[in-house]
């Protein structure tokens, strides 16, 4: 395997640059995501519609990775798919500013833009995670993914604050329009990184004959590849367990909808609450990533507990309880989107990691859409039932995660 050239940036520097790309991109889509509930409500959506659109958005972002993960591994076009995915986000979010000008078609247009932005996430994520996994192994995967996530969350914190400021002085729709600026910055940074580091696999300490950027190795048939044929039972048990926490985590769209329709906060304050949740995500990613490198995946057993607390607190009628629920939501979200991915890299060898990330996300997505629609439906009918259903699923997730770590021996390898 070729080692990085002397003039190539260090592994840590590449991790940071990937983080800066995500920082700018997260300003775009997390800035918009912070007000999806109020935005859709302003266009006439009910709680069920908000749950459906936001849940379907997460499902698109996750399930379609089943196709784009194998596509990346088959073609070796990790960089091309990463660039295309970020491009969709940079374009679709600012276009939400046009929704109120379209009359009765505005709600449908907004939903379409939200889904297309999430499609961009599906296109880029398996490839980006595979690229990052190569580099992160040189610095410790828990820390590498954790630092990347923390930088990602700086953008996720700043974007909602920008939107909040614009909404406070102008309108919700101008808040969407200004997000074109960080979108353009993300694309410039990404293209620069692609030029400087065409093959991140050179940073991987594990030998591989599958350099990033060239055509990938021969694989099984497309359908077999898309559903993860040949991946281990340990991987699938872990994917199902982790996906139970993803599906049961109430979307912030529902939480934001709750804050506004119940009159707990004005619309302009909702992005500030979301920004605080993003700050919690950053701390969670760094903290849990560091603990993961020292102790192994046992630290992930905290996630089902946090997910179970979210609806009980975040959908309460008292603002203090809601804010406590948002903290739990942010912590769970931070771990789900960082350290949980590091475990996949431990379970799957490099030539099939993008496929594995796609399959993993696909399972997450199937449960995300069920969870999103179910949460919206139960929210309008019985909050105690919603709390009970989420708690029950997390008991199952906790037991399954613990059993998976015991069966796979991953605790001993990672620790």
Protein backbone atom coordinates (compact mmCIF):
# COMPACT_ATOMS: atom_id res chain seq x y z
CA UNK A 1 0.00 0.00 0.00
CA UNK A 2 1.23 3.48 -0.85
CA UNK A 3 1.95 5.76 2.08
CA UNK A 4 1.09 9.48 2.05
CA UNK A 5 3.60 11.62 0.19
CA UNK A 6 5.80 13.83 2.32
CA UNK A 7 3.98 16.89 0.95
CA UNK A 8 0.56 15.44 1.76
CA UNK A 9 -1.32 16.89 4.75
CA UNK A 10 -1.17 14.95 8.02
CA UNK A 11 -4.01 12.59 8.93
CA UNK A 12 -5.23 14.95 11.64
CA UNK A 13 -5.23 17.85 9.19
CA UNK A 14 -7.36 15.85 6.74
CA UNK A 15 -9.80 14.93 9.52
CA UNK A 16 -10.08 18.62 10.37
CA UNK A 17 -10.63 19.59 6.74
CA UNK A 18 -13.39 17.02 6.38
CA UNK A 19 -14.82 18.58 9.51
CA UNK A 20 -14.68 22.09 8.04
CA UNK A 21 -16.60 20.90 4.97
CA UNK A 22 -19.24 19.40 7.22
CA UNK A 23 -19.25 22.57 9.34
CA UNK A 24 -20.24 24.73 6.37
CA UNK A 25 -22.71 22.20 4.99
CA UNK A 26 -24.32 21.74 8.39
CA UNK A 27 -24.92 25.46 8.63
CA UNK A 28 -27.11 24.95 5.57
CA UNK A 29 -29.19 21.89 6.32
CA UNK A 30 -29.24 22.10 10.12
CA UNK A 31 -30.15 25.79 9.86
CA UNK A 32 -33.15 24.75 7.78
CA UNK A 33 -33.90 21.66 9.85
CA UNK A 34 -34.17 23.81 12.97
CA UNK A 35 -37.36 25.38 11.61
CA UNK A 36 -38.87 22.57 9.54
CA UNK A 37 -41.70 22.22 12.05
CA UNK A 38 -42.71 25.91 12.04
CA UNK A 39 -41.93 26.19 8.31
CA UNK A 40 -44.26 23.35 7.36
CA UNK A 41 -46.88 24.57 9.82
CA UNK A 42 -46.77 28.03 8.17
CA UNK A 43 -47.57 26.32 4.86
CA UNK A 44 -50.60 24.54 6.36
CA UNK A 45 -49.14 21.23 7.59
CA UNK A 46 -50.60 19.27 10.52
CA UNK A 47 -48.53 17.35 13.09
CA UNK A 48 -49.00 14.14 11.08
CA UNK A 49 -47.74 15.85 7.92
CA UNK A 50 -44.75 17.28 9.81
CA UNK A 51 -43.97 13.83 11.19
CA UNK A 52 -44.40 12.26 7.75
CA UNK A 53 -42.19 14.77 5.92
CA UNK A 54 -39.43 14.85 8.53
CA UNK A 55 -39.58 11.09 9.08
CA UNK A 56 -39.62 10.43 5.33
CA UNK A 57 -36.72 12.85 4.96
CA UNK A 58 -34.66 10.87 7.44
CA UNK A 59 -35.71 7.66 5.72
CA UNK A 60 -34.60 8.98 2.32
CA UNK A 61 -31.29 10.04 3.82
CA UNK A 62 -30.81 6.58 5.27
CA UNK A 63 -32.60 3.96 3.14
CA UNK A 64 -31.23 5.14 -0.20
CA UNK A 65 -27.72 4.60 1.08
CA UNK A 66 -28.52 0.96 0.32
CA UNK A 67 -28.00 1.93 -3.32
CA UNK A 68 -25.29 4.56 -3.01
CA UNK A 69 -23.03 2.56 -0.68
CA UNK A 70 -22.62 -0.34 -3.15
CA UNK A 71 -22.40 2.15 -6.02
CA UNK A 72 -19.42 3.79 -4.34
CA UNK A 73 -17.67 0.48 -3.71
CA UNK A 74 -18.36 -0.81 -7.24
CA UNK A 75 -17.20 2.29 -9.08
CA UNK A 76 -14.63 3.72 -6.66
CA UNK A 77 -16.19 7.15 -7.23
CA UNK A 78 -16.20 8.05 -3.56
CA UNK A 79 -15.21 11.65 -4.19
CA UNK A 80 -17.69 12.19 -7.06
CA UNK A 81 -20.62 10.94 -5.00
CA UNK A 82 -19.54 13.01 -2.00
CA UNK A 83 -19.40 16.17 -4.13
CA UNK A 84 -22.78 15.46 -5.79
CA UNK A 85 -24.45 14.90 -2.43
CA UNK A 86 -23.15 18.10 -0.91
CA UNK A 87 -24.17 19.97 -4.07
CA UNK A 88 -27.81 18.94 -3.67
CA UNK A 89 -27.85 20.28 -0.12
CA UNK A 90 -26.25 23.57 -1.16
CA UNK A 91 -28.93 24.13 -3.81
CA UNK A 92 -32.18 22.73 -2.38
CA UNK A 93 -32.21 24.40 1.03
CA UNK A 94 -32.05 28.02 -0.25
CA UNK A 95 -34.82 27.19 -2.72
CA UNK A 96 -37.19 26.73 0.23
CA UNK A 97 -37.40 30.53 0.25
CA UNK A 98 -39.65 30.25 -2.81
CA UNK A 99 -42.32 28.10 -1.11
CA UNK A 100 -44.70 30.84 0.12
CA UNK A 101 -44.75 32.40 -3.37
CA UNK A 102 -46.23 29.23 -4.85
CA UNK A 103 -49.63 29.42 -3.17
CA UNK A 104 -51.31 26.06 -2.58
CA UNK A 105 -48.34 24.30 -4.20
CA UNK A 106 -45.99 25.72 -1.58
CA UNK A 107 -46.35 22.85 0.89
CA UNK A 108 -45.68 20.24 -1.79
CA UNK A 109 -42.69 22.21 -3.09
CA UNK A 110 -41.22 22.58 0.40
CA UNK A 111 -41.66 18.87 1.09
CA UNK A 112 -39.95 18.06 -2.21
CA UNK A 113 -36.98 20.32 -1.46
CA UNK A 114 -36.63 18.77 2.00
CA UNK A 115 -36.65 15.27 0.50
CA UNK A 116 -34.17 16.23 -2.24
CA UNK A 117 -31.82 17.72 0.35
CA UNK A 118 -32.05 14.47 2.27
CA UNK A 119 -31.34 12.59 -0.97
CA UNK A 120 -28.09 14.52 -1.11
CA UNK A 121 -27.28 13.18 2.35
CA UNK A 122 -27.95 9.63 1.13
CA UNK A 123 -25.71 10.08 -1.90
CA UNK A 124 -22.71 11.45 -0.02
CA UNK A 125 -22.74 9.78 3.38
CA UNK A 126 -21.51 6.25 2.59
CA UNK A 127 -18.70 7.64 0.43
CA UNK A 128 -17.75 10.37 2.89
CA UNK A 129 -17.76 7.90 5.80
CA UNK A 130 -15.58 5.48 3.83
CA UNK A 131 -13.13 8.28 2.98
CA UNK A 132 -13.03 9.45 6.58
CA UNK A 133 -12.64 5.92 7.96
CA UNK A 134 -9.39 5.52 6.02
CA UNK A 135 -7.93 8.68 7.53
CA UNK A 136 -9.41 8.34 11.02
CA UNK A 137 -7.77 4.98 11.69
CA UNK A 138 -4.41 6.77 11.79
CA UNK A 139 -5.56 8.95 14.70
CA UNK A 140 -8.01 6.57 16.43
CA UNK A 141 -11.40 6.01 14.87
CA UNK A 142 -13.37 7.06 17.94
CA UNK A 143 -11.44 10.33 18.18
CA UNK A 144 -11.34 10.85 14.41
CA UNK A 145 -15.09 10.46 13.98
CA UNK A 146 -15.67 12.38 17.20
CA UNK A 147 -13.58 15.40 16.15
CA UNK A 148 -15.21 15.38 12.72
CA UNK A 149 -18.63 15.30 14.35
CA UNK A 150 -17.69 18.11 16.74
CA UNK A 151 -16.68 20.39 13.84
CA UNK A 152 -19.81 19.29 12.04
CA UNK A 153 -21.78 20.42 15.07
CA UNK A 154 -20.15 23.84 15.14
CA UNK A 155 -21.92 24.42 11.84
CA UNK A 156 -25.06 22.81 13.18
CA UNK A 157 -24.90 25.31 16.06
CA UNK A 158 -24.10 28.36 13.93
CA UNK A 159 -26.64 27.69 11.16
CA UNK A 160 -29.73 27.80 13.39
CA UNK A 161 -28.43 30.96 15.07
CA UNK A 162 -28.06 32.63 11.68
CA UNK A 163 -31.59 31.58 10.79
CA UNK A 164 -32.90 32.80 14.15
CA UNK A 165 -31.29 36.19 13.64
CA UNK A 166 -32.68 36.58 10.12
CA UNK A 167 -36.15 35.42 11.18
CA UNK A 168 -36.14 37.88 14.07
CA UNK A 169 -35.42 40.88 11.83
CA UNK A 170 -37.03 39.73 8.59
CA UNK A 171 -38.87 36.47 7.83
CA UNK A 172 -38.59 32.72 7.93
CA UNK A 173 -38.13 32.62 4.17
CA UNK A 174 -35.19 35.03 4.10
CA UNK A 175 -33.70 32.76 6.74
CA UNK A 176 -33.64 30.01 4.11
CA UNK A 177 -32.23 32.26 1.38
CA UNK A 178 -29.14 33.35 3.33
CA UNK A 179 -28.07 29.71 3.69
CA UNK A 180 -26.85 29.82 0.10
CA UNK A 181 -23.66 31.48 1.40
CA UNK A 182 -22.35 28.65 3.63
CA UNK A 183 -23.46 26.21 0.93
CA UNK A 184 -21.11 27.83 -1.56
CA UNK A 185 -18.29 27.83 1.01
CA UNK A 186 -18.78 24.09 1.64
CA UNK A 187 -18.42 23.32 -2.06
CA UNK A 188 -15.21 25.35 -2.40
CA UNK A 189 -13.67 23.63 0.63
CA UNK A 190 -14.69 20.19 -0.61
CA UNK A 191 -13.24 20.67 -4.07
CA UNK A 192 -10.00 21.95 -2.55
CA UNK A 193 -9.76 18.91 -0.27
CA UNK A 194 -10.40 16.58 -3.23
CA UNK A 195 -7.50 18.16 -5.09
CA UNK A 196 -5.12 17.93 -2.12
CA UNK A 197 -6.07 14.40 -1.02
CA UNK A 198 -7.21 12.33 -4.03
CA UNK A 199 -6.68 9.00 -2.21
CA UNK A 200 -7.33 8.99 1.56
CA UNK A 201 -6.73 5.21 1.70
CA UNK A 202 -3.00 5.97 1.81
CA UNK A 203 -3.48 7.02 5.44
CA UNK A 204 -4.96 3.65 6.45
CA UNK A 205 -2.61 1.56 8.58
CA UNK A 206 -4.38 -1.62 7.40
CA UNK A 207 -3.22 -2.83 3.98
CA UNK A 208 -5.74 -2.61 1.17
CA UNK A 209 -5.61 -3.17 -2.56
CA UNK A 210 -8.64 -0.97 -3.15
CA UNK A 211 -7.36 2.62 -3.52
CA UNK A 212 -9.98 5.33 -3.25
CA UNK A 213 -10.72 7.05 -6.52
CA UNK A 214 -10.10 4.05 -8.81
CA UNK A 215 -12.60 1.47 -9.97
CA UNK A 216 -13.55 -0.80 -7.10
CA UNK A 217 -13.10 -4.56 -6.98
CA UNK A 218 -15.53 -7.03 -8.50
CA UNK A 219 -18.54 -7.61 -6.30
CA UNK A 220 -21.61 -9.78 -6.09
CA UNK A 221 -24.76 -8.96 -8.04
CA UNK A 222 -26.22 -5.50 -7.52
CA UNK A 223 -29.21 -6.59 -5.44
CA UNK A 224 -27.14 -8.91 -3.27
CA UNK A 225 -24.62 -6.13 -2.75
CA UNK A 226 -27.32 -3.59 -1.88
CA UNK A 227 -28.80 -5.77 0.86
CA UNK A 228 -25.38 -6.60 2.29
CA UNK A 229 -24.88 -10.20 1.20
CA UNK A 230 -21.72 -11.54 2.80
CA UNK A 231 -21.67 -9.04 5.67
CA UNK A 232 -21.39 -10.69 9.05
CA UNK A 233 -24.17 -11.60 11.44
CA UNK A 234 -22.50 -9.39 14.04
CA UNK A 235 -22.87 -6.44 11.67
CA UNK A 236 -26.58 -7.07 11.10
CA UNK A 237 -27.33 -7.56 14.79
CA UNK A 238 -25.59 -4.30 15.53
CA UNK A 239 -27.40 -2.50 12.70
CA UNK A 240 -30.83 -3.60 13.95
CA UNK A 241 -30.01 -2.66 17.54
CA UNK A 242 -28.69 0.79 16.61
CA UNK A 243 -31.61 1.37 14.24
CA UNK A 244 -34.13 0.80 16.99
CA UNK A 245 -32.65 3.85 18.74
CA UNK A 246 -32.75 5.87 15.50
CA UNK A 247 -36.37 5.04 14.74
CA UNK A 248 -37.55 5.84 18.24
CA UNK A 249 -35.75 9.17 18.56
CA UNK A 250 -38.49 11.76 18.04
CA UNK A 251 -37.50 14.17 15.26
CA UNK A 252 -36.81 17.79 16.11
CA UNK A 253 -39.51 18.64 13.57
CA UNK A 254 -42.06 17.29 16.05
CA UNK A 255 -40.36 19.02 18.97
CA UNK A 256 -40.26 22.35 17.11
CA UNK A 257 -43.91 21.91 16.10
CA UNK A 258 -44.78 21.24 19.75
CA UNK A 259 -42.95 24.36 20.92
CA UNK A 260 -44.82 26.61 18.49
CA UNK A 261 -48.35 25.16 18.40
CA UNK A 262 -48.43 24.96 22.21
CA UNK A 263 -47.25 28.56 22.45
CA UNK A 264 -44.18 27.69 24.52
CA UNK A 265 -41.81 29.73 22.33
CA UNK A 266 -42.05 32.12 19.36
CA UNK A 267 -40.88 30.82 15.98
CA UNK A 268 -37.69 32.92 16.07
CA UNK A 269 -36.63 31.22 19.33
CA UNK A 270 -36.98 27.65 18.04
CA UNK A 271 -33.70 27.72 16.05
CA UNK A 272 -31.91 28.91 19.19
CA UNK A 273 -33.16 25.85 21.04
CA UNK A 274 -32.02 23.70 18.13
CA UNK A 275 -28.61 25.39 18.16
CA UNK A 276 -28.26 24.48 21.83
CA UNK A 277 -29.07 20.87 20.95
CA UNK A 278 -26.34 20.98 18.31
CA UNK A 279 -23.85 22.19 20.92
CA UNK A 280 -24.81 19.23 23.08
CA UNK A 281 -24.28 16.97 20.05
CA UNK A 282 -20.74 18.29 19.63
CA UNK A 283 -19.86 17.66 23.27
CA UNK A 284 -21.43 14.19 23.10
CA UNK A 285 -19.45 13.26 19.97
CA UNK A 286 -16.12 14.31 21.50
CA UNK A 287 -16.81 12.82 24.91
CA UNK A 288 -18.21 9.50 23.77
CA UNK A 289 -15.65 9.18 20.96
CA UNK A 290 -12.81 9.55 23.45
CA UNK A 291 -14.38 7.10 25.90
CA UNK A 292 -14.99 4.64 23.05
CA UNK A 293 -11.28 4.55 22.17
CA UNK A 294 -10.45 3.72 25.81
CA UNK A 295 -13.24 1.36 26.81
CA UNK A 296 -14.84 0.05 23.62
CA UNK A 297 -18.50 0.13 22.58
CA UNK A 298 -19.99 -0.39 26.05
CA UNK A 299 -20.38 3.39 26.20
CA UNK A 300 -23.05 3.15 23.49
CA UNK A 301 -25.41 1.46 25.94
CA UNK A 302 -26.33 4.95 27.18
CA UNK A 303 -28.10 5.75 23.90
CA UNK A 304 -31.34 3.75 24.44
CA UNK A 305 -31.71 5.32 27.89
CA UNK A 306 -31.46 8.82 26.43
CA UNK A 307 -33.83 8.05 23.55
CA UNK A 308 -36.45 6.78 26.02
CA UNK A 309 -36.26 10.03 28.00
CA UNK A 310 -36.80 12.33 25.01
CA UNK A 311 -40.60 12.16 24.45
CA UNK A 312 -41.32 12.08 28.18
CA UNK A 313 -39.50 15.41 28.58
CA UNK A 314 -39.43 17.19 25.21
CA UNK A 315 -43.19 16.93 24.62
CA UNK A 316 -44.18 18.08 28.10
CA UNK A 317 -46.24 21.21 28.69
CA UNK A 318 -43.54 22.82 30.86
CA UNK A 319 -40.77 24.66 29.01
CA UNK A 320 -38.09 23.55 31.52
CA UNK A 321 -38.94 19.90 30.90
CA UNK A 322 -38.93 20.45 27.14
CA UNK A 323 -35.48 22.00 27.27
CA UNK A 324 -34.19 19.07 29.35
CA UNK A 325 -35.63 16.77 26.70
CA UNK A 326 -33.84 18.72 24.00
CA UNK A 327 -30.54 18.16 25.85
CA UNK A 328 -31.21 14.41 25.93
CA UNK A 329 -32.17 14.53 22.24
CA UNK A 330 -28.94 16.33 21.35
CA UNK A 331 -26.76 13.90 23.28
CA UNK A 332 -28.41 10.85 21.71
CA UNK A 333 -28.25 12.39 18.25
CA UNK A 334 -24.56 13.20 18.65
CA UNK A 335 -23.63 9.64 19.52
CA UNK A 336 -25.86 8.16 16.80
CA UNK A 337 -24.21 10.25 14.12
CA UNK A 338 -20.60 9.73 15.18
CA UNK A 339 -19.36 6.95 17.42
CA UNK A 340 -22.01 4.48 16.30
CA UNK A 341 -20.47 4.75 12.82
CA UNK A 342 -17.03 3.93 14.20
CA UNK A 343 -18.29 0.49 15.24
CA UNK A 344 -19.26 -0.28 11.63
CA UNK A 345 -15.65 0.35 10.56
CA UNK A 346 -14.50 -2.14 13.20
CA UNK A 347 -16.90 -4.84 11.97
CA UNK A 348 -16.33 -4.50 8.20
CA UNK A 349 -13.15 -4.55 6.12
CA UNK A 350 -12.20 -1.53 4.02
CA UNK A 351 -13.29 -2.74 0.53
CA UNK A 352 -16.91 -3.10 1.69
CA UNK A 353 -17.25 -0.24 4.17
CA UNK A 354 -19.27 2.07 1.92
CA UNK A 355 -21.64 -0.83 1.22
CA UNK A 356 -21.86 -1.57 4.94
CA UNK A 357 -22.56 2.08 5.77
CA UNK A 358 -25.28 2.03 3.12
CA UNK A 359 -26.91 -1.13 4.48
CA UNK A 360 -26.60 0.16 8.05
CA UNK A 361 -28.27 3.43 7.11
CA UNK A 362 -30.93 1.64 5.09
CA UNK A 363 -32.03 -0.32 8.14
CA UNK A 364 -31.97 2.90 10.16
CA UNK A 365 -34.09 4.62 7.52
CA UNK A 366 -36.80 1.98 7.42
CA UNK A 367 -37.30 2.42 11.14
CA UNK A 368 -36.95 6.22 10.90
CA UNK A 369 -39.97 6.62 8.64
CA UNK A 370 -42.04 4.28 10.82
CA UNK A 371 -40.90 6.23 13.87
CA UNK A 372 -41.55 9.64 12.29
CA UNK A 373 -45.08 8.83 11.15
CA UNK A 374 -45.85 6.94 14.34
CA UNK A 375 -44.64 9.78 16.54
CA UNK A 376 -46.75 12.32 14.63
CA UNK A 377 -49.82 10.10 14.82
CA UNK A 378 -49.43 9.32 18.52
CA UNK A 379 -48.62 12.96 19.33
CA UNK A 380 -52.10 14.01 18.18
CA UNK A 381 -53.81 11.15 20.03
CA UNK A 382 -51.99 10.12 23.20
CA UNK A 383 -48.69 11.41 24.53
CA UNK A 384 -48.56 8.74 27.27
CA UNK A 385 -48.87 6.07 24.58
CA UNK A 386 -46.02 7.68 22.61
CA UNK A 387 -43.82 7.70 25.72
CA UNK A 388 -44.66 4.07 26.48
CA UNK A 389 -44.01 2.83 22.93
CA UNK A 390 -40.63 4.57 22.77
CA UNK A 391 -39.62 3.20 26.18
CA UNK A 392 -40.54 -0.35 25.17
CA UNK A 393 -38.50 -0.21 21.96
CA UNK A 394 -35.48 1.06 23.87
CA UNK A 395 -35.59 -1.80 26.33
CA UNK A 396 -35.37 -4.11 23.32
CA UNK A 397 -32.55 -2.02 21.82
CA UNK A 398 -30.56 -2.05 25.07
CA UNK A 399 -30.81 -5.82 25.44
CA UNK A 400 -29.91 -6.40 21.78
CA UNK A 401 -26.91 -4.06 21.88
CA UNK A 402 -25.51 -5.72 24.99
CA UNK A 403 -26.00 -9.17 23.48
CA UNK A 404 -24.37 -8.09 20.20
CA UNK A 405 -21.25 -6.77 21.92
CA UNK A 406 -21.00 -10.00 23.94
CA UNK A 407 -21.42 -12.28 20.91
CA UNK A 408 -19.07 -10.40 18.59
CA UNK A 409 -16.21 -9.93 21.02
CA UNK A 410 -16.03 -6.34 19.75
CA UNK A 411 -15.62 -5.04 23.29
CA UNK A 412 -12.32 -6.84 23.58
CA UNK A 413 -11.07 -5.75 20.12
CA UNK A 414 -12.11 -2.11 20.48
CA UNK A 415 -11.04 -1.81 24.09
